[in-house]
Full PDB file with SEQRES, HELIX, SHEET, SSBOND, CRYST1, ORIGX, SCALE, CONECT and MASTER records, all heavy atoms in Angstrom:
SEQRES   1 A   32  ARG LEU TYR ASP GLY GLU TYR VAL CYS VAL MET ARG LYS          
SEQRES   2 A   32  GLY HIS PRO LEU ALA SER GLY PRO LEU THR LEU ASP ARG          
SEQRES   3 A   32  PHE CYS ALA ALA ARG HIS                                      
HELIX    1 AA1 LEU A   24  ALA A   29  1                                   6    
CRYST1    1.000    1.000    1.000  90.00  90.00  90.00 P 1           1          
ORIGX1      1.000000  0.000000  0.000000        0.00000                         
ORIGX2      0.000000  1.000000  0.000000        0.00000                         
ORIGX3      0.000000  0.000000  1.000000        0.00000                         
SCALE1      1.000000  0.000000  0.000000        0.00000                         
SCALE2      0.000000  1.000000  0.000000        0.00000                         
SCALE3      0.000000  0.000000  1.000000        0.00000                         
ATOM      1  N   ARG A   1      69.468  55.596 117.980  1.00  0.00           N  
ATOM      2  CA  ARG A   1      70.408  56.542 117.484  1.00  0.00           C  
ATOM      3  C   ARG A   1      69.647  57.683 116.783  1.00  0.00           C  
ATOM      4  O   ARG A   1      68.802  57.472 115.986  1.00  0.00           O  
ATOM      5  CB  ARG A   1      71.397  55.847 116.537  1.00  0.00           C  
ATOM      6  CG  ARG A   1      72.437  56.735 115.889  1.00  0.00           C  
ATOM      7  CD  ARG A   1      73.418  57.264 116.838  1.00  0.00           C  
ATOM      8  NE  ARG A   1      73.844  56.333 117.854  1.00  0.00           N  
ATOM      9  CZ  ARG A   1      74.727  55.399 117.730  1.00  0.00           C  
ATOM     10  NH1 ARG A   1      75.355  55.219 116.629  1.00  0.00           N  
ATOM     11  NH2 ARG A   1      75.068  54.569 118.746  1.00  0.00           N  
ATOM     12  N   LEU A   2      70.049  58.958 117.100  1.00  0.00           N  
ATOM     13  CA  LEU A   2      69.474  60.138 116.503  1.00  0.00           C  
ATOM     14  C   LEU A   2      70.343  60.688 115.356  1.00  0.00           C  
ATOM     15  O   LEU A   2      69.901  60.992 114.283  1.00  0.00           O  
ATOM     16  CB  LEU A   2      69.094  61.151 117.512  1.00  0.00           C  
ATOM     17  CG  LEU A   2      68.044  60.761 118.595  1.00  0.00           C  
ATOM     18  CD1 LEU A   2      67.837  61.954 119.510  1.00  0.00           C  
ATOM     19  CD2 LEU A   2      66.770  60.359 117.950  1.00  0.00           C  
ATOM     20  N   TYR A   3      71.637  60.918 115.707  1.00  0.00           N  
ATOM     21  CA  TYR A   3      72.549  61.466 114.725  1.00  0.00           C  
ATOM     22  C   TYR A   3      73.960  61.167 115.226  1.00  0.00           C  
ATOM     23  O   TYR A   3      74.239  60.918 116.368  1.00  0.00           O  
ATOM     24  CB  TYR A   3      72.312  62.894 114.463  1.00  0.00           C  
ATOM     25  CG  TYR A   3      72.352  63.847 115.635  1.00  0.00           C  
ATOM     26  CD1 TYR A   3      73.578  64.399 116.041  1.00  0.00           C  
ATOM     27  CD2 TYR A   3      71.236  64.224 116.388  1.00  0.00           C  
ATOM     28  CE1 TYR A   3      73.709  65.231 117.124  1.00  0.00           C  
ATOM     29  CE2 TYR A   3      71.274  65.090 117.517  1.00  0.00           C  
ATOM     30  CZ  TYR A   3      72.533  65.584 117.782  1.00  0.00           C  
ATOM     31  OH  TYR A   3      72.599  66.381 118.925  1.00  0.00           O  
ATOM     32  N   ASP A   4      74.865  61.360 114.235  1.00  0.00           N  
ATOM     33  CA  ASP A   4      76.329  61.279 114.582  1.00  0.00           C  
ATOM     34  C   ASP A   4      76.948  62.585 114.309  1.00  0.00           C  
ATOM     35  O   ASP A   4      76.513  63.394 113.521  1.00  0.00           O  
ATOM     36  CB  ASP A   4      76.983  60.201 113.672  1.00  0.00           C  
ATOM     37  CG  ASP A   4      76.448  58.819 113.926  1.00  0.00           C  
ATOM     38  OD1 ASP A   4      76.157  58.480 115.066  1.00  0.00           O  
ATOM     39  OD2 ASP A   4      76.275  58.035 112.957  1.00  0.00           O  
ATOM     40  N   GLY A   5      78.045  62.803 115.028  1.00  0.00           N  
ATOM     41  CA  GLY A   5      78.790  64.107 114.850  1.00  0.00           C  
ATOM     42  C   GLY A   5      80.307  63.843 115.192  1.00  0.00           C  
ATOM     43  O   GLY A   5      80.765  62.713 115.393  1.00  0.00           O  
ATOM     44  N   GLU A   6      80.995  64.977 115.292  1.00  0.00           N  
ATOM     45  CA  GLU A   6      82.406  64.906 115.714  1.00  0.00           C  
ATOM     46  C   GLU A   6      82.724  66.151 116.520  1.00  0.00           C  
ATOM     47  O   GLU A   6      82.082  67.139 116.439  1.00  0.00           O  
ATOM     48  CB  GLU A   6      83.298  64.874 114.453  1.00  0.00           C  
ATOM     49  CG  GLU A   6      83.163  66.103 113.526  1.00  0.00           C  
ATOM     50  CD  GLU A   6      84.203  66.126 112.457  1.00  0.00           C  
ATOM     51  OE1 GLU A   6      85.374  65.630 112.654  1.00  0.00           O  
ATOM     52  OE2 GLU A   6      83.915  66.648 111.337  1.00  0.00           O  
ATOM     53  N   TYR A   7      83.759  65.993 117.327  1.00  0.00           N  
ATOM     54  CA  TYR A   7      84.263  67.095 118.136  1.00  0.00           C  
ATOM     55  C   TYR A   7      85.435  67.762 117.415  1.00  0.00           C  
ATOM     56  O   TYR A   7      86.222  67.086 116.757  1.00  0.00           O  
ATOM     57  CB  TYR A   7      84.702  66.648 119.471  1.00  0.00           C  
ATOM     58  CG  TYR A   7      83.597  66.484 120.481  1.00  0.00           C  
ATOM     59  CD1 TYR A   7      82.834  65.297 120.664  1.00  0.00           C  
ATOM     60  CD2 TYR A   7      83.167  67.619 121.233  1.00  0.00           C  
ATOM     61  CE1 TYR A   7      81.806  65.254 121.548  1.00  0.00           C  
ATOM     62  CE2 TYR A   7      82.160  67.571 122.183  1.00  0.00           C  
ATOM     63  CZ  TYR A   7      81.487  66.383 122.327  1.00  0.00           C  
ATOM     64  OH  TYR A   7      80.398  66.258 123.194  1.00  0.00           O  
ATOM     65  N   VAL A   8      85.518  69.076 117.511  1.00  0.00           N  
ATOM     66  CA  VAL A   8      86.579  69.810 116.884  1.00  0.00           C  
ATOM     67  C   VAL A   8      87.087  70.851 117.878  1.00  0.00           C  
ATOM     68  O   VAL A   8      86.476  71.188 118.893  1.00  0.00           O  
ATOM     69  CB  VAL A   8      86.064  70.597 115.646  1.00  0.00           C  
ATOM     70  CG1 VAL A   8      85.683  69.657 114.561  1.00  0.00           C  
ATOM     71  CG2 VAL A   8      84.887  71.520 115.997  1.00  0.00           C  
ATOM     72  N   CYS A   9      88.383  71.273 117.656  1.00  0.00           N  
ATOM     73  CA  CYS A   9      88.971  72.347 118.483  1.00  0.00           C  
ATOM     74  C   CYS A   9      88.406  73.703 117.958  1.00  0.00           C  
ATOM     75  O   CYS A   9      88.415  73.952 116.819  1.00  0.00           O  
ATOM     76  CB  CYS A   9      90.456  72.290 118.376  1.00  0.00           C  
ATOM     77  SG  CYS A   9      91.304  73.529 119.406  1.00  0.00           S  
ATOM     78  N   VAL A  10      88.004  74.544 118.925  1.00  0.00           N  
ATOM     79  CA  VAL A  10      87.405  75.821 118.597  1.00  0.00           C  
ATOM     80  C   VAL A  10      88.212  76.973 119.273  1.00  0.00           C  
ATOM     81  O   VAL A  10      88.548  76.810 120.437  1.00  0.00           O  
ATOM     82  CB  VAL A  10      85.924  75.890 119.030  1.00  0.00           C  
ATOM     83  CG1 VAL A  10      85.295  77.251 118.667  1.00  0.00           C  
ATOM     84  CG2 VAL A  10      85.177  74.727 118.387  1.00  0.00           C  
ATOM     85  N   MET A  11      88.424  78.002 118.471  1.00  0.00           N  
ATOM     86  CA  MET A  11      89.116  79.176 119.034  1.00  0.00           C  
ATOM     87  C   MET A  11      88.592  80.393 118.338  1.00  0.00           C  
ATOM     88  O   MET A  11      87.855  80.339 117.307  1.00  0.00           O  
ATOM     89  CB  MET A  11      90.642  79.044 118.765  1.00  0.00           C  
ATOM     90  CG  MET A  11      91.015  79.016 117.279  1.00  0.00           C  
ATOM     91  SD  MET A  11      92.723  78.458 117.022  1.00  0.00           S  
ATOM     92  CE  MET A  11      92.523  76.693 117.199  1.00  0.00           C  
ATOM     93  N   ARG A  12      88.980  81.603 118.823  1.00  0.00           N  
ATOM     94  CA  ARG A  12      88.518  82.841 118.167  1.00  0.00           C  
ATOM     95  C   ARG A  12      89.294  83.090 116.947  1.00  0.00           C  
ATOM     96  O   ARG A  12      90.449  82.638 116.766  1.00  0.00           O  
ATOM     97  CB  ARG A  12      88.656  83.996 119.242  1.00  0.00           C  
ATOM     98  CG  ARG A  12      90.125  84.385 119.486  1.00  0.00           C  
ATOM     99  CD  ARG A  12      90.164  85.632 120.362  1.00  0.00           C  
ATOM    100  NE  ARG A  12      91.571  85.941 120.692  1.00  0.00           N  
ATOM    101  CZ  ARG A  12      92.464  86.537 119.913  1.00  0.00           C  
ATOM    102  NH1 ARG A  12      92.076  87.024 118.659  1.00  0.00           N  
ATOM    103  NH2 ARG A  12      93.727  86.799 120.273  1.00  0.00           N  
ATOM    104  N   LYS A  13      88.674  83.899 116.049  1.00  0.00           N  
ATOM    105  CA  LYS A  13      89.412  84.354 114.891  1.00  0.00           C  
ATOM    106  C   LYS A  13      90.550  85.318 115.390  1.00  0.00           C  
ATOM    107  O   LYS A  13      90.324  86.129 116.283  1.00  0.00           O  
ATOM    108  CB  LYS A  13      88.452  85.116 113.921  1.00  0.00           C  
ATOM    109  CG  LYS A  13      87.666  84.210 113.078  1.00  0.00           C  
ATOM    110  CD  LYS A  13      86.893  84.983 111.983  1.00  0.00           C  
ATOM    111  CE  LYS A  13      86.181  84.001 111.029  1.00  0.00           C  
ATOM    112  NZ  LYS A  13      85.494  84.753 109.965  1.00  0.00           N  
ATOM    113  N   GLY A  14      91.699  85.185 114.815  1.00  0.00           N  
ATOM    114  CA  GLY A  14      92.785  85.980 115.220  1.00  0.00           C  
ATOM    115  C   GLY A  14      93.609  85.334 116.320  1.00  0.00           C  
ATOM    116  O   GLY A  14      94.626  85.874 116.801  1.00  0.00           O  
ATOM    117  N   HIS A  15      93.169  84.166 116.790  1.00  0.00           N  
ATOM    118  CA  HIS A  15      93.952  83.468 117.789  1.00  0.00           C  
ATOM    119  C   HIS A  15      95.333  83.070 117.197  1.00  0.00           C  
ATOM    120  O   HIS A  15      95.452  82.745 116.037  1.00  0.00           O  
ATOM    121  CB  HIS A  15      93.258  82.202 118.293  1.00  0.00           C  
ATOM    122  CG  HIS A  15      93.758  81.500 119.430  1.00  0.00           C  
ATOM    123  ND1 HIS A  15      94.914  80.785 119.385  1.00  0.00           N  
ATOM    124  CD2 HIS A  15      93.344  81.441 120.748  1.00  0.00           C  
ATOM    125  CE1 HIS A  15      95.182  80.236 120.649  1.00  0.00           C  
ATOM    126  NE2 HIS A  15      94.224  80.661 121.468  1.00  0.00           N  
ATOM    127  N   PRO A  16      96.338  83.077 118.067  1.00  0.00           N  
ATOM    128  CA  PRO A  16      97.705  82.735 117.548  1.00  0.00           C  
ATOM    129  C   PRO A  16      97.777  81.361 116.882  1.00  0.00           C  
ATOM    130  O   PRO A  16      98.608  81.142 115.976  1.00  0.00           O  
ATOM    131  CB  PRO A  16      98.563  82.775 118.791  1.00  0.00           C  
ATOM    132  CG  PRO A  16      97.928  83.758 119.701  1.00  0.00           C  
ATOM    133  CD  PRO A  16      96.439  83.584 119.433  1.00  0.00           C  
ATOM    134  N   LEU A  17      96.893  80.426 117.264  1.00  0.00           N  
ATOM    135  CA  LEU A  17      96.888  79.163 116.653  1.00  0.00           C  
ATOM    136  C   LEU A  17      95.925  78.990 115.451  1.00  0.00           C  
ATOM    137  O   LEU A  17      95.683  77.881 114.991  1.00  0.00           O  
ATOM    138  CB  LEU A  17      96.581  78.007 117.708  1.00  0.00           C  
ATOM    139  CG  LEU A  17      97.561  77.991 118.877  1.00  0.00           C  
ATOM    140  CD1 LEU A  17      97.116  76.826 119.857  1.00  0.00           C  
ATOM    141  CD2 LEU A  17      98.974  77.621 118.346  1.00  0.00           C  
ATOM    142  N   ALA A  18      95.240  80.074 115.128  1.00  0.00           N  
ATOM    143  CA  ALA A  18      94.205  80.011 114.111  1.00  0.00           C  
ATOM    144  C   ALA A  18      94.756  79.806 112.706  1.00  0.00           C  
ATOM    145  O   ALA A  18      94.057  79.427 111.780  1.00  0.00           O  
ATOM    146  CB  ALA A  18      93.291  81.229 114.069  1.00  0.00           C  
ATOM    147  N   SER A  19      96.047  80.100 112.536  1.00  0.00           N  
ATOM    148  CA  SER A  19      96.695  79.915 111.252  1.00  0.00           C  
ATOM    149  C   SER A  19      97.742  78.882 111.339  1.00  0.00           C  
ATOM    150  O   SER A  19      98.397  78.706 112.432  1.00  0.00           O  
ATOM    151  CB  SER A  19      97.310  81.211 110.803  1.00  0.00           C  
ATOM    152  OG  SER A  19      98.309  81.650 111.692  1.00  0.00           O  
ATOM    153  N   GLY A  20      97.985  78.132 110.335  1.00  0.00           N  
ATOM    154  CA  GLY A  20      98.926  77.000 110.416  1.00  0.00           C  
ATOM    155  C   GLY A  20      98.314  75.818 110.983  1.00  0.00           C  
ATOM    156  O   GLY A  20      97.196  75.792 111.582  1.00  0.00           O  
ATOM    157  N   PRO A  21      99.018  74.630 110.980  1.00  0.00           N  
ATOM    158  CA  PRO A  21      98.473  73.367 111.393  1.00  0.00           C  
ATOM    159  C   PRO A  21      98.417  73.344 112.989  1.00  0.00           C  
ATOM    160  O   PRO A  21      99.290  73.915 113.601  1.00  0.00           O  
ATOM    161  CB  PRO A  21      99.521  72.364 110.898  1.00  0.00           C  
ATOM    162  CG  PRO A  21     100.745  73.126 110.677  1.00  0.00           C  
ATOM    163  CD  PRO A  21     100.327  74.535 110.293  1.00  0.00           C  
ATOM    164  N   LEU A  22      97.451  72.766 113.468  1.00  0.00           N  
ATOM    165  CA  LEU A  22      97.314  72.603 114.916  1.00  0.00           C  
ATOM    166  C   LEU A  22      97.938  71.227 115.270  1.00  0.00           C  
ATOM    167  O   LEU A  22      97.260  70.191 115.134  1.00  0.00           O  
ATOM    168  CB  LEU A  22      95.807  72.627 115.387  1.00  0.00           C  
ATOM    169  CG  LEU A  22      95.555  72.501 116.869  1.00  0.00           C  
ATOM    170  CD1 LEU A  22      96.249  73.630 117.639  1.00  0.00           C  
ATOM    171  CD2 LEU A  22      94.084  72.432 117.141  1.00  0.00           C  
ATOM    172  N   THR A  23      99.185  71.260 115.723  1.00  0.00           N  
ATOM    173  CA  THR A  23      99.847  69.993 116.115  1.00  0.00           C  
ATOM    174  C   THR A  23      99.528  69.582 117.588  1.00  0.00           C  
ATOM    175  O   THR A  23      98.906  70.416 118.320  1.00  0.00           O  
ATOM    176  CB  THR A  23     101.389  70.176 116.013  1.00  0.00           C  
ATOM    177  OG1 THR A  23     101.754  71.175 117.031  1.00  0.00           O  
ATOM    178  CG2 THR A  23     101.810  70.678 114.645  1.00  0.00           C  
ATOM    179  N   LEU A  24      99.860  68.357 117.877  1.00  0.00           N  
ATOM    180  CA  LEU A  24      99.553  67.877 119.191  1.00  0.00           C  
ATOM    181  C   LEU A  24     100.330  68.686 120.207  1.00  0.00           C  
ATOM    182  O   LEU A  24      99.808  68.987 121.303  1.00  0.00           O  
ATOM    183  CB  LEU A  24      99.949  66.364 119.297  1.00  0.00           C  
ATOM    184  CG  LEU A  24      99.697  65.711 120.645  1.00  0.00           C  
ATOM    185  CD1 LEU A  24      98.206  65.819 121.091  1.00  0.00           C  
ATOM    186  CD2 LEU A  24     100.158  64.220 120.618  1.00  0.00           C  
ATOM    187  N   ASP A  25     101.586  69.067 119.921  1.00  0.00           N  
ATOM    188  CA  ASP A  25     102.406  69.866 120.868  1.00  0.00           C  
ATOM    189  C   ASP A  25     101.792  71.242 121.079  1.00  0.00           C  
ATOM    190  O   ASP A  25     101.693  71.670 122.232  1.00  0.00           O  
ATOM    191  CB  ASP A  25     103.801  70.014 120.293  1.00  0.00           C  
ATOM    192  CG  ASP A  25     104.635  68.730 120.449  1.00  0.00           C  
ATOM    193  OD1 ASP A  25     104.218  67.861 121.253  1.00  0.00           O  
ATOM    194  OD2 ASP A  25     105.603  68.604 119.654  1.00  0.00           O  
ATOM    195  N   ARG A  26     101.286  71.847 120.037  1.00  0.00           N  
ATOM    196  CA  ARG A  26     100.693  73.232 120.144  1.00  0.00           C  
ATOM    197  C   ARG A  26      99.400  73.106 120.937  1.00  0.00           C  
ATOM    198  O   ARG A  26      99.051  73.982 121.756  1.00  0.00           O  
ATOM    199  CB  ARG A  26     100.427  73.830 118.795  1.00  0.00           C  
ATOM    200  CG  ARG A  26     101.793  74.059 117.963  1.00  0.00           C  
ATOM    201  CD  ARG A  26     101.510  74.653 116.659  1.00  0.00           C  
ATOM    202  NE  ARG A  26     101.300  76.032 116.706  1.00  0.00           N  
ATOM    203  CZ  ARG A  26     100.897  76.780 115.646  1.00  0.00           C  
ATOM    204  NH1 ARG A  26     100.705  76.252 114.502  1.00  0.00           N  
ATOM    205  NH2 ARG A  26     100.755  78.083 115.807  1.00  0.00           N  
ATOM    206  N   PHE A  27      98.636  72.040 120.662  1.00  0.00           N  
ATOM    207  CA  PHE A  27      97.404  71.828 121.404  1.00  0.00           C  
ATOM    208  C   PHE A  27      97.601  71.641 122.897  1.00  0.00           C  
ATOM    209  O   PHE A  27      96.904  72.335 123.683  1.00  0.00           O  
ATOM    210  CB  PHE A  27      96.617  70.639 120.747  1.00  0.00           C  
ATOM    211  CG  PHE A  27      95.347  70.319 121.432  1.00  0.00           C  
ATOM    212  CD1 PHE A  27      94.147  70.835 120.955  1.00  0.00           C  
ATOM    213  CD2 PHE A  27      95.181  69.449 122.534  1.00  0.00           C  
ATOM    214  CE1 PHE A  27      92.880  70.575 121.505  1.00  0.00           C  
ATOM    215  CE2 PHE A  27      94.025  69.169 123.115  1.00  0.00           C  
ATOM    216  CZ  PHE A  27      92.842  69.742 122.566  1.00  0.00           C  
ATOM    217  N   CYS A  28      98.524  70.874 123.251  1.00  0.00           N  
ATOM    218  CA  CYS A  28      98.767  70.551 124.639  1.00  0.00           C  
ATOM    219  C   CYS A  28      99.372  71.781 125.409  1.00  0.00           C  
ATOM    220  O   CYS A  28      99.201  71.970 126.603  1.00  0.00           O  
ATOM    221  CB  CYS A  28      99.709  69.359 124.832  1.00  0.00           C  
ATOM    222  SG  CYS A  28      98.907  67.757 124.296  1.00  0.00           S  
ATOM    223  N   ALA A  29     100.136  72.587 124.657  1.00  0.00           N  
ATOM    224  CA  ALA A  29     100.801  73.753 125.301  1.00  0.00           C  
ATOM    225  C   ALA A  29      99.838  74.908 125.548  1.00  0.00           C  
ATOM    226  O   ALA A  29     100.116  75.839 126.283  1.00  0.00           O  
ATOM    227  CB  ALA A  29     101.967  74.207 124.467  1.00  0.00           C  
ATOM    228  N   ALA A  30      98.639  74.901 124.878  1.00  0.00           N  
ATOM    229  CA  ALA A  30      97.701  76.025 124.941  1.00  0.00           C  
ATOM    230  C   ALA A  30      96.890  75.880 126.269  1.00  0.00           C  
ATOM    231  O   ALA A  30      96.978  74.920 127.000  1.00  0.00           O  
ATOM    232  CB  ALA A  30      96.724  75.952 123.803  1.00  0.00           C  
ATOM    233  N   ARG A  31      96.185  77.007 126.556  1.00  0.00           N  
ATOM    234  CA  ARG A  31      95.289  77.052 127.759  1.00  0.00           C  
ATOM    235  C   ARG A  31      93.881  76.669 127.279  1.00  0.00           C  
ATOM    236  O   ARG A  31      93.425  77.144 126.250  1.00  0.00           O  
ATOM    237  CB  ARG A  31      95.295  78.460 128.341  1.00  0.00           C  
ATOM    238  CG  ARG A  31      96.612  78.774 129.044  1.00  0.00           C  
ATOM    239  CD  ARG A  31      96.844  80.305 129.226  1.00  0.00           C  
ATOM    240  NE  ARG A  31      95.751  80.856 130.001  1.00  0.00           N  
ATOM    241  CZ  ARG A  31      95.702  80.938 131.342  1.00  0.00           C  
ATOM    242  NH1 ARG A  31      96.709  80.409 132.042  1.00  0.00           N  
ATOM    243  NH2 ARG A  31      94.727  81.559 131.983  1.00  0.00           N  
ATOM    244  N   HIS A  32      93.217  75.808 128.070  1.00  0.00           N  
ATOM    245  CA  HIS A  32      91.966  75.223 127.569  1.00  0.00           C  
ATOM    246  C   HIS A  32      90.805  75.529 128.546  1.00  0.00           C  
ATOM    247  O   HIS A  32      90.991  75.673 129.691  1.00  0.00           O  
ATOM    248  CB  HIS A  32      92.097  73.687 127.484  1.00  0.00           C  
ATOM    249  CG  HIS A  32      92.971  73.291 126.290  1.00  0.00           C  
ATOM    250  ND1 HIS A  32      92.485  72.841 125.098  1.00  0.00           N  
ATOM    251  CD2 HIS A  32      94.342  73.263 126.180  1.00  0.00           C  
ATOM    252  CE1 HIS A  32      93.488  72.537 124.323  1.00  0.00           C  
ATOM    253  NE2 HIS A  32      94.636  72.782 124.968  1.00  0.00           N  
TER     254      HIS A  32                                                      
MASTER        0    0    0    1    0    0    0    6  253    1    0    3          
END                                                                             
């Protein structure tokens, strides 16, 4: 083992989902 980490959702600043909570519904409805 070298190190541990985690995956996160990444988007541009100013993205419509950049403010407010990122819910499962909003995540699935977005383009990826």
